[in-house]
C-alpha atoms as a PDB file:
ATOM      1  CA  MET A   1      68.255  55.072 -23.129  1.00  0.00           C
ATOM      2  CA  LYS A   2      65.250  55.782 -21.003  1.00  0.00           C
ATOM      3  CA  ASN A   3      63.091  56.030 -24.091  1.00  0.00           C
ATOM      4  CA  PHE A   4      64.367  52.666 -25.308  1.00  0.00           C
ATOM      5  CA  GLY A   5      63.545  51.010 -21.980  1.00  0.00           C
ATOM      6  CA  LEU A   6      60.059  52.575 -21.977  1.00  0.00           C
ATOM      7  CA  PHE A   7      59.296  51.397 -25.483  1.00  0.00           C
ATOM      8  CA  GLY A   8      60.627  47.928 -24.621  1.00  0.00           C
ATOM      9  CA  GLY A   9      58.397  47.661 -21.533  1.00  0.00           C
ATOM     10  CA  VAL A  10      55.343  48.706 -23.523  1.00  0.00           C
ATOM     11  CA  GLY A  11      56.147  46.112 -26.172  1.00  0.00           C
ATOM     12  CA  VAL A  12      56.397  43.316 -23.605  1.00  0.00           C
ATOM     13  CA  LEU A  13      53.084  44.332 -22.007  1.00  0.00           C
ATOM     14  CA  ALA A  14      51.365  44.392 -25.402  1.00  0.00           C
ATOM     15  CA  PHE A  15      52.749  40.913 -26.161  1.00  0.00           C
ATOM     16  CA  VAL A  16      51.446  39.533 -22.861  1.00  0.00           C
ATOM     17  CA  LEU A  17      47.945  41.012 -23.394  1.00  0.00           C
ATOM     18  CA  ALA A  18      47.768  39.671 -26.952  1.00  0.00           C
ATOM     19  CA  GLY A  19      48.899  36.238 -25.819  1.00  0.00           C
ATOM     20  CA  TYR A  20      46.309  36.158 -23.023  1.00  0.00           C
ATOM     21  CA  HIS A  21      43.468  36.932 -25.406  1.00  0.00           C
ATOM     22  CA  ALA A  22      44.766  34.349 -27.856  1.00  0.00           C
ATOM     23  CA  GLY A  23      44.763  31.688 -25.147  1.00  0.00           C
ATOM     24  CA  LEU A  24      48.521  31.152 -25.055  1.00  0.00           C
ATOM     25  CA  PHE A  25      48.652  31.317 -21.277  1.00  0.00           C
ATOM     26  CA  ARG A  26      45.519  29.251 -20.510  1.00  0.00           C
ATOM     27  CA  PRO A  27      45.905  25.670 -19.202  1.00  0.00           C
ATOM     28  CA  PRO A  28      45.403  23.079 -21.935  1.00  0.00           C
ATOM     29  CA  VAL A  29      41.908  21.576 -22.195  1.00  0.00           C
ATOM     30  CA  GLN A  30      41.937  17.854 -21.578  1.00  0.00           C
ATOM     31  CA  GLN A  31      40.470  16.120 -24.615  1.00  0.00           C
ATOM     32  CA  PRO A  32      38.245  13.059 -24.050  1.00  0.00           C
ATOM     33  CA  GLU A  33      39.664   9.733 -25.048  1.00  0.00           C
ATOM     34  CA  VAL A  34      38.231   7.869 -28.002  1.00  0.00           C
ATOM     35  CA  GLY A  35      34.897   6.271 -27.031  1.00  0.00           C
ATOM     36  CA  GLU A  36      34.584   8.354 -23.840  1.00  0.00           C
ATOM     37  CA  VAL A  37      31.175   9.942 -23.324  1.00  0.00           C
ATOM     38  CA  VAL A  38      31.232  13.497 -22.050  1.00  0.00           C
ATOM     39  CA  PRO A  39      28.045  14.169 -20.068  1.00  0.00           C
ATOM     40  CA  SER A  40      26.290  17.441 -20.770  1.00  0.00           C
ATOM     41  CA  GLU A  41      25.402  19.798 -17.955  1.00  0.00           C
ATOM     42  CA  GLU A  42      21.743  18.748 -18.240  1.00  0.00           C
ATOM     43  CA  LYS A  43      22.577  15.053 -17.948  1.00  0.00           C
ATOM     44  CA  LYS A  44      24.756  15.688 -14.919  1.00  0.00           C
ATOM     45  CA  GLU A  45      21.729  16.885 -12.971  1.00  0.00           C
ATOM     46  CA  ALA A  46      19.852  14.029 -11.365  1.00  0.00           C
ATOM     47  CA  LYS A  47      16.337  13.703 -12.738  1.00  0.00           C
ATOM     48  CA  ARG A  48      13.748  14.270 -10.066  1.00  0.00           C
ATOM     49  CA  PRO A  49      10.785  11.859 -10.058  1.00  0.00           C
ATOM     50  CA  ALA A  50       7.515  13.364 -11.207  1.00  0.00           C
ATOM     51  CA  LYS A  51       5.357  14.491  -8.306  1.00  0.00           C
ATOM     52  CA  SER A  52       2.113  12.572  -7.817  1.00  0.00           C
ATOM     53  CA  HIS A  53      -1.189  14.394  -7.828  1.00  0.00           C
ATOM     54  CA  PHE A  54      -4.157  13.315  -5.712  1.00  0.00           C
ATOM     55  CA  PRO A  55      -6.786  12.340  -6.694  1.00  0.00           C
ATOM     56  CA  ARG A  56      -5.880  12.563 -10.389  1.00  0.00           C
ATOM     57  CA  ASP A  57      -3.190   9.865 -10.336  1.00  0.00           C
ATOM     58  CA  ILE A  58      -5.258   7.476  -8.217  1.00  0.00           C
ATOM     59  CA  ALA A  59      -8.090   7.514 -10.792  1.00  0.00           C
ATOM     60  CA  ARG A  60      -6.531   4.545 -12.616  1.00  0.00           C
ATOM     61  CA  CYS A  61      -7.772   2.299  -9.826  1.00  0.00           C
ATOM     62  CA  ALA A  62     -11.324   2.764 -11.128  1.00  0.00           C
ATOM     63  CA  ARG A  63     -10.138   0.773 -14.175  1.00  0.00           C
ATOM     64  CA  ALA A  64      -8.303  -1.768 -11.985  1.00  0.00           C
ATOM     65  CA  GLU A  65      -4.939  -0.397 -13.116  1.00  0.00           C
ATOM     66  CA  PRO A  66      -1.944  -0.261 -10.744  1.00  0.00           C
ATOM     67  CA  VAL A  67      -0.569   2.931  -9.216  1.00  0.00           C
ATOM     68  CA  PRO A  68       3.051   2.079  -8.270  1.00  0.00           C
ATOM     69  CA  GLN A  69       3.460   5.216  -6.130  1.00  0.00           C
ATOM     70  CA  ALA A  70       0.574   4.181  -3.847  1.00  0.00           C
ATOM     71  CA  ALA A  71       1.062   2.655  -0.409  1.00  0.00           C
ATOM     72  CA  ALA A  72       1.255  -1.117  -0.024  1.00  0.00           C
ATOM     73  CA  TYR A  73      -1.844  -2.765   1.431  1.00  0.00           C
ATOM     74  CA  ASP A  74      -1.079  -4.454   4.747  1.00  0.00           C
ATOM     75  CA  PRO A  75      -4.007  -6.628   5.987  1.00  0.00           C
ATOM     76  CA  SER A  76      -2.585  -6.581   9.521  1.00  0.00           C
ATOM     77  CA  ALA A  77      -2.713  -2.791   9.773  1.00  0.00           C
ATOM     78  CA  LYS A  78      -5.297  -1.235  12.072  1.00  0.00           C
ATOM     79  CA  PHE A  79      -6.228   1.497   9.604  1.00  0.00           C
ATOM     80  CA  HIS A  80      -6.113   1.658   5.828  1.00  0.00           C
ATOM     81  CA  ARG A  81      -6.032   4.996   4.054  1.00  0.00           C
ATOM     82  CA  MET A  82      -8.811   4.967   1.465  1.00  0.00           C
ATOM     83  CA  ALA A  83      -9.992   6.934  -1.534  1.00  0.00           C
ATOM     84  CA  ILE A  84     -13.596   6.582  -2.681  1.00  0.00           C
ATOM     85  CA  LEU A  85     -14.015   6.960  -6.439  1.00  0.00           C
ATOM     86  CA  LYS A  86     -16.835   6.929  -8.928  1.00  0.00           C
ATOM     87  CA  THR A  87     -16.590   4.540 -11.874  1.00  0.00           C
ATOM     88  CA  ASN A  88     -15.244   7.356 -14.088  1.00  0.00           C
ATOM     89  CA  GLY A  89     -12.286   7.848 -11.732  1.00  0.00           C
ATOM     90  CA  ALA A  90     -13.529  11.074 -10.143  1.00  0.00           C
ATOM     91  CA  LEU A  91     -13.333  11.387  -6.385  1.00  0.00           C
ATOM     92  CA  TYR A  92     -16.706  10.702  -4.724  1.00  0.00           C
ATOM     93  CA  GLN A  93     -16.291  13.824  -2.635  1.00  0.00           C
ATOM     94  CA  ASP A  94     -19.470  13.474  -0.537  1.00  0.00           C
ATOM     95  CA  TRP A  95     -18.429  10.043   0.708  1.00  0.00           C
ATOM     96  CA  GLN A  96     -14.725  10.879   0.910  1.00  0.00           C
ATOM     97  CA  ASP A  97     -15.527  13.693   3.313  1.00  0.00           C
ATOM     98  CA  LYS A  98     -17.369  11.245   5.576  1.00  0.00           C
ATOM     99  CA  LEU A  99     -14.235   9.179   6.187  1.00  0.00           C
ATOM    100  CA  LYS A 100     -12.615   9.799   9.537  1.00  0.00           C
ATOM    101  CA  GLN A 101      -9.114  11.231   9.442  1.00  0.00           C
ATOM    102  CA  GLU A 102      -7.375   7.922  10.155  1.00  0.00           C
ATOM    103  CA  TRP A 103      -9.084   6.346   7.125  1.00  0.00           C
ATOM    104  CA  GLN A 104      -9.013   9.288   4.741  1.00  0.00           C
ATOM    105  CA  ALA A 105      -6.315   9.284   2.065  1.00  0.00           C
ATOM    106  CA  GLU A 106      -4.929  12.701   1.168  1.00  0.00           C
ATOM    107  CA  THR A 107      -2.031  11.800  -1.131  1.00  0.00           C
ATOM    108  CA  VAL A 108      -1.280   9.080  -3.653  1.00  0.00           C
ATOM    109  CA  GLU A 109       1.574   7.821  -1.491  1.00  0.00           C
ATOM    110  CA  ASP A 110      -0.634   7.145   1.543  1.00  0.00           C
ATOM    111  CA  THR A 111      -3.522   5.508  -0.385  1.00  0.00           C
ATOM    112  CA  SER A 112      -3.595   1.735   0.044  1.00  0.00           C
ATOM    113  CA  LEU A 113      -7.222   0.887  -0.793  1.00  0.00           C
ATOM    114  CA  VAL A 114      -9.732   2.377  -3.194  1.00  0.00           C
ATOM    115  CA  ILE A 115     -13.498   1.877  -3.025  1.00  0.00           C
ATOM    116  CA  VAL A 116     -15.067   2.235  -6.460  1.00  0.00           C
ATOM    117  CA  VAL A 117     -18.770   3.034  -6.231  1.00  0.00           C
ATOM    118  CA  GLY A 118     -21.261   2.745  -9.062  1.00  0.00           C
ATOM    119  CA  ALA A 119     -24.305   4.915  -9.606  1.00  0.00           C
ATOM    120  CA  GLN A 120     -27.365   4.356  -7.456  1.00  0.00           C
ATOM    121  CA  LYS A 121     -30.155   2.580  -9.364  1.00  0.00           C
ATOM    122  CA  LYS A 122     -33.705   3.365  -8.336  1.00  0.00           C
ATOM    123  CA  VAL A 123     -36.066   0.546  -9.331  1.00  0.00           C
ATOM    124  CA  PHE A 124     -39.859   0.856  -9.129  1.00  0.00           C
ATOM    125  CA  ILE A 125     -41.542  -2.092  -7.393  1.00  0.00           C
ATOM    126  CA  GLU A 126     -45.222  -1.256  -7.003  1.00  0.00           C
ATOM    127  CA  ILE A 127     -47.768   1.400  -6.186  1.00  0.00           C
ATOM    128  CA  ILE A 128     -50.236   0.702  -3.396  1.00  0.00           C
ATOM    129  CA  PRO A 129     -53.538   2.586  -3.161  1.00  0.00           C
ATOM    130  CA  TYR A 130     -54.414   3.707   0.344  1.00  0.00           C
ATOM    131  CA  PRO A 131     -57.975   3.749   1.770  1.00  0.00           C
ATOM    132  CA  ASN A 132     -59.971   6.765   2.947  1.00  0.00           C
ATOM    133  CA  GLY A 133     -58.819   8.980   0.095  1.00  0.00           C
ATOM    134  CA  ALA A 134     -55.167   9.074   1.195  1.00  0.00           C
ATOM    135  CA  PRO A 135     -52.553   9.393  -1.581  1.00  0.00           C
ATOM    136  CA  PRO A 136     -51.115   6.100  -2.898  1.00  0.00           C
ATOM    137  CA  ILE A 137     -47.684   4.922  -1.802  1.00  0.00           C
ATOM    138  CA  SER A 138     -44.972   3.896  -4.281  1.00  0.00           C
ATOM    139  CA  ARG A 139     -42.310   1.417  -3.244  1.00  0.00           C
ATOM    140  CA  TYR A 140     -38.795   1.575  -4.695  1.00  0.00           C
ATOM    141  CA  LYS A 141     -35.650  -0.463  -4.244  1.00  0.00           C
ATOM    142  CA  PHE A 142     -32.155   0.971  -4.659  1.00  0.00           C
ATOM    143  CA  GLU A 143     -29.152  -0.944  -5.998  1.00  0.00           C
ATOM    144  CA  LEU A 144     -25.494   0.006  -5.835  1.00  0.00           C
ATOM    145  CA  GLU A 145     -22.401  -1.966  -6.878  1.00  0.00           C
ATOM    146  CA  ALA A 146     -19.077  -1.371  -5.125  1.00  0.00           C
ATOM    147  CA  SER A 147     -15.578  -2.789  -5.480  1.00  0.00           C
ATOM    148  CA  VAL A 148     -12.459  -2.631  -3.328  1.00  0.00           C
ATOM    149  CA  VAL A 149      -9.206  -2.236  -5.265  1.00  0.00           C
ATOM    150  CA  GLU A 150      -5.659  -2.580  -3.987  1.00  0.00           C
ATOM    151  CA  ALA A 151      -4.213   0.742  -5.121  1.00  0.00           C
ATOM    152  CA  LYS A 152      -0.585  -0.265  -5.659  1.00  0.00           C
ATOM    153  CA  THR A 153      -1.330  -3.363  -7.763  1.00  0.00           C
ATOM    154  CA  GLY A 154      -4.762  -2.572  -9.236  1.00  0.00           C
ATOM    155  CA  ARG A 155      -6.023  -5.957  -8.005  1.00  0.00           C
ATOM    156  CA  VAL A 156      -9.762  -6.166  -7.308  1.00  0.00           C
ATOM    157  CA  LEU A 157     -10.093  -7.579  -3.799  1.00  0.00           C
ATOM    158  CA  ALA A 158     -13.884  -7.592  -3.533  1.00  0.00           C
ATOM    159  CA  ASN A 159     -17.029  -6.749  -5.420  1.00  0.00           C
ATOM    160  CA  ARG A 160     -20.531  -6.628  -4.013  1.00  0.00           C
ATOM    161  CA  LEU A 161     -24.033  -5.548  -4.959  1.00  0.00           C
ATOM    162  CA  PHE A 162     -25.974  -3.713  -2.264  1.00  0.00           C
ATOM    163  CA  ILE A 163     -29.784  -3.659  -2.351  1.00  0.00           C
ATOM    164  CA  ASN A 164     -32.017  -1.516  -0.190  1.00  0.00           C
ATOM    165  CA  MET A 165     -35.543  -2.925  -0.091  1.00  0.00           C
ATOM    166  CA  PRO A 166     -38.413  -0.734   1.137  1.00  0.00           C
ATOM    167  CA  ARG A 167     -40.454  -1.884   4.089  1.00  0.00           C
ATOM    168  CA  ASN A 168     -44.056  -2.940   3.651  1.00  0.00           C
ATOM    169  CA  ILE A 169     -46.733  -0.364   4.326  1.00  0.00           C
ATOM    170  CA  VAL A 170     -48.603  -0.503   7.604  1.00  0.00           C
ATOM    171  CA  ARG A 171     -52.277  -0.018   8.356  1.00  0.00           C
ATOM    172  CA  ILE A 172     -51.805   3.600   9.383  1.00  0.00           C
ATOM    173  CA  GLU A 173     -49.349   5.806   7.539  1.00  0.00           C
ATOM    174  CA  THR A 174     -48.808   9.549   7.767  1.00  0.00           C
ATOM    175  CA  TRP A 175     -50.654  11.551   5.132  1.00  0.00           C
ATOM    176  CA  ASP A 176     -47.445  12.806   3.493  1.00  0.00           C
ATOM    177  CA  THR A 177     -46.015   9.300   3.000  1.00  0.00           C
ATOM    178  CA  THR A 178     -46.142   8.805  -0.752  1.00  0.00           C
ATOM    179  CA  ALA A 179     -42.954   6.783  -1.383  1.00  0.00           C
ATOM    180  CA  LEU A 180     -40.903   4.175   0.441  1.00  0.00           C
ATOM    181  CA  GLY A 181     -37.274   3.328  -0.246  1.00  0.00           C
ATOM    182  CA  SER A 182     -33.932   5.113   0.157  1.00  0.00           C
ATOM    183  CA  PRO A 183     -30.441   4.976  -1.427  1.00  0.00           C
ATOM    184  CA  VAL A 184     -27.622   2.767  -0.147  1.00  0.00           C
ATOM    185  CA  GLU A 185     -25.697   4.756   2.431  1.00  0.00           C
ATOM    186  CA  PHE A 186     -22.007   5.399   2.873  1.00  0.00           C
ATOM    187  CA  ARG A 187     -21.857   3.615   6.224  1.00  0.00           C
ATOM    188  CA  THR A 188     -23.132   0.338   4.746  1.00  0.00           C
ATOM    189  CA  VAL A 189     -20.421   0.211   2.066  1.00  0.00           C
ATOM    190  CA  PHE A 190     -17.662   1.476   4.357  1.00  0.00           C
ATOM    191  CA  ASN A 191     -18.363  -1.123   7.067  1.00  0.00           C
ATOM    192  CA  TRP A 192     -18.280  -3.885   4.455  1.00  0.00           C
ATOM    193  CA  ALA A 193     -14.952  -2.672   3.053  1.00  0.00           C
ATOM    194  CA  VAL A 194     -13.358  -2.311   6.488  1.00  0.00           C
ATOM    195  CA  ALA A 195     -14.499  -5.771   7.601  1.00  0.00           C
ATOM    196  CA  GLY A 196     -12.894  -7.312   4.536  1.00  0.00           C
ATOM    197  CA  ALA A 197      -9.732  -5.239   4.800  1.00  0.00           C
ATOM    198  CA  ARG A 198      -9.130  -6.444   8.348  1.00  0.00           C
ATOM    199  CA  SER A 199     -10.250 -10.058   8.183  1.00  0.00           C
ATOM    200  CA  GLY A 200      -9.542 -10.867   4.553  1.00  0.00           C
ATOM    201  CA  PHE A 201     -11.786 -10.639   1.510  1.00  0.00           C
ATOM    202  CA  PRO A 202     -13.692 -13.751   0.414  1.00  0.00           C
ATOM    203  CA  PRO A 203     -13.554 -14.903  -3.232  1.00  0.00           C
ATOM    204  CA  ILE A 204     -15.354 -12.444  -5.465  1.00  0.00           C
ATOM    205  CA  GLU A 205     -16.972 -15.002  -7.787  1.00  0.00           C
ATOM    206  CA  ASN A 206     -20.779 -14.767  -7.689  1.00  0.00           C
ATOM    207  CA  PRO A 207     -21.072 -12.955  -4.361  1.00  0.00           C
ATOM    208  CA  THR A 208     -24.507 -12.862  -2.770  1.00  0.00           C
ATOM    209  CA  PRO A 209     -25.950  -9.343  -2.615  1.00  0.00           C
ATOM    210  CA  ILE A 210     -26.136  -7.491   0.683  1.00  0.00           C
ATOM    211  CA  VAL A 211     -29.814  -6.701   1.177  1.00  0.00           C
ATOM    212  CA  ASN A 212     -31.120  -4.202   3.716  1.00  0.00           C
ATOM    213  CA  VAL A 213     -34.706  -3.226   4.500  1.00  0.00           C
ATOM    214  CA  VAL A 214     -35.097   0.535   4.864  1.00  0.00           C
ATOM    215  CA  ASN A 215     -37.766   3.040   5.887  1.00  0.00           C
END
């Protein structure tokens, strides 16, 4: 009798284990209704927006293309975070470093204005012989074109040609003076951009060049 009970208990246990592995005791899986979309695990995860990279993603402004992630330009703001680019979209690092902290953009999201600066053009004007055997003096003018672009929209707010004219020679020059003329400086372009950003930019059609006499 004891043997019968032992064999019976073992049989029941074996049945339970076999049924568990076969899925007999698992809760039924709810089947989706017809037309119901079952989201995959990947789709359930919210897609994170792509992170912006500065200055790579702001380079589109050099082609007057919008950067939606950029900050909105507010003419009434006291300061405007700026990026200074070359015409190929690369950051003009020398000039960017000259911006004070309150003007210097460091991310795409805080950039509201972009100054796009062309290459300096050095144009020969004349060579002037000097008396008493002194070396002649060459005079050069420098030209640089710059534009201000609203980063978020890609809209060109201003465009201007800057010209640095050399001074005339004087009766007495130092012996080592052999050339007159110097490139357009950062401060000249920056002051122009800031003045427009605060007071409003005039129409950009046929702007008169900004001419400075240097040296």
